[in-house]
Amino acid sequence: MTQDLDAIGLLCPLPVLKLRKRLKALSPGDRIRLLADDPAAIVDVPHFCNESGHVLVEASDQGGTLTFLVEKSA
């Protein structure tokens, strides 16, 4: 299951805080597609995934809109 989380217009640290809150409610293996336009998210989201053990499956930047696909770990 993949959910979408729109964090467009939110500044650091809100995209990561919203991602963390949403991941808590998911089951291991579920995914969230995070959309953000805060340039700090390029560093913050991978760092959060690395520190928390979640998997950053994919990251892309299309015209300033950053998309991160994050899979919840066990």
Protein backbone atom coordinates (compact mmCIF):
# COMPACT_ATOMS: atom_id res chain seq x y z
CA MET A 1 0.00 0.00 0.00
CA THR A 2 1.32 3.47 -0.91
CA GLN A 3 -0.04 6.66 0.60
CA ASP A 4 0.63 10.20 -0.58
CA LEU A 5 1.76 12.98 1.74
CA ASP A 6 1.73 16.51 0.35
CA ALA A 7 4.21 18.76 2.18
CA ILE A 8 4.37 21.42 -0.55
CA GLY A 9 4.80 24.84 1.03
CA LEU A 10 6.07 23.49 4.36
CA LEU A 11 9.54 24.38 5.57
CA CYS A 12 12.07 22.36 7.54
CA PRO A 13 11.48 20.45 9.75
CA LEU A 14 7.75 20.05 8.99
CA PRO A 15 8.02 17.69 5.97
CA VAL A 16 10.07 15.19 8.00
CA LEU A 17 7.90 15.57 11.10
CA LYS A 18 4.76 14.86 9.07
CA LEU A 19 6.49 11.90 7.40
CA ARG A 20 7.51 10.44 10.76
CA LYS A 21 3.99 10.83 12.18
CA ARG A 22 2.37 9.19 9.14
CA LEU A 23 4.88 6.29 9.13
CA LYS A 24 4.03 5.42 12.74
CA ALA A 25 0.49 4.45 11.71
CA LEU A 26 1.61 2.17 8.86
CA SER A 27 2.55 -1.49 8.76
CA PRO A 28 6.07 -2.62 7.82
CA GLY A 29 6.44 -2.67 4.05
CA ASP A 30 3.86 0.08 3.49
CA ARG A 31 5.08 3.11 1.56
CA ILE A 32 4.58 6.85 1.58
CA ARG A 33 5.17 9.13 -1.40
CA LEU A 34 6.23 12.49 0.07
CA LEU A 35 6.00 15.62 -2.07
CA ALA A 36 7.97 18.64 -0.86
CA ASP A 37 9.40 21.84 -2.24
CA ASP A 38 11.67 22.78 0.67
CA PRO A 39 15.28 22.51 -0.59
CA ALA A 40 16.36 21.21 2.84
CA ALA A 41 14.28 18.06 2.26
CA ILE A 42 17.00 16.82 -0.13
CA VAL A 43 19.20 16.33 2.94
CA ASP A 44 16.59 15.90 5.68
CA VAL A 45 14.54 13.01 4.26
CA PRO A 46 17.48 10.70 3.44
CA HIS A 47 19.02 11.50 6.84
CA PHE A 48 15.74 10.72 8.61
CA CYS A 49 15.43 7.40 6.76
CA ASN A 50 19.02 6.47 7.58
CA GLU A 51 18.61 7.32 11.26
CA SER A 52 15.20 5.68 11.70
CA GLY A 53 15.88 2.55 9.63
CA HIS A 54 13.21 3.21 7.00
CA VAL A 55 14.10 2.64 3.36
CA LEU A 56 14.36 5.51 0.91
CA VAL A 57 13.27 3.62 -2.20
CA GLU A 58 13.40 6.52 -4.62
CA ALA A 59 14.02 10.26 -4.74
CA SER A 60 13.54 12.67 -7.62
CA ASP A 61 13.34 16.38 -8.38
CA GLN A 62 11.00 17.58 -11.10
CA GLY A 63 10.97 21.33 -11.52
CA GLY A 64 11.54 22.03 -7.84
CA THR A 65 9.03 19.47 -6.61
CA LEU A 66 10.88 16.80 -4.66
CA THR A 67 9.37 13.34 -4.52
CA PHE A 68 10.51 10.74 -2.00
CA LEU A 69 9.21 7.17 -1.82
CA VAL A 70 9.77 5.84 1.69
CA GLU A 71 9.09 2.27 2.85
CA LYS A 72 8.41 1.61 6.52
CA SER A 73 10.82 -0.84 8.10
CA ALA A 74 9.92 -3.52 10.61
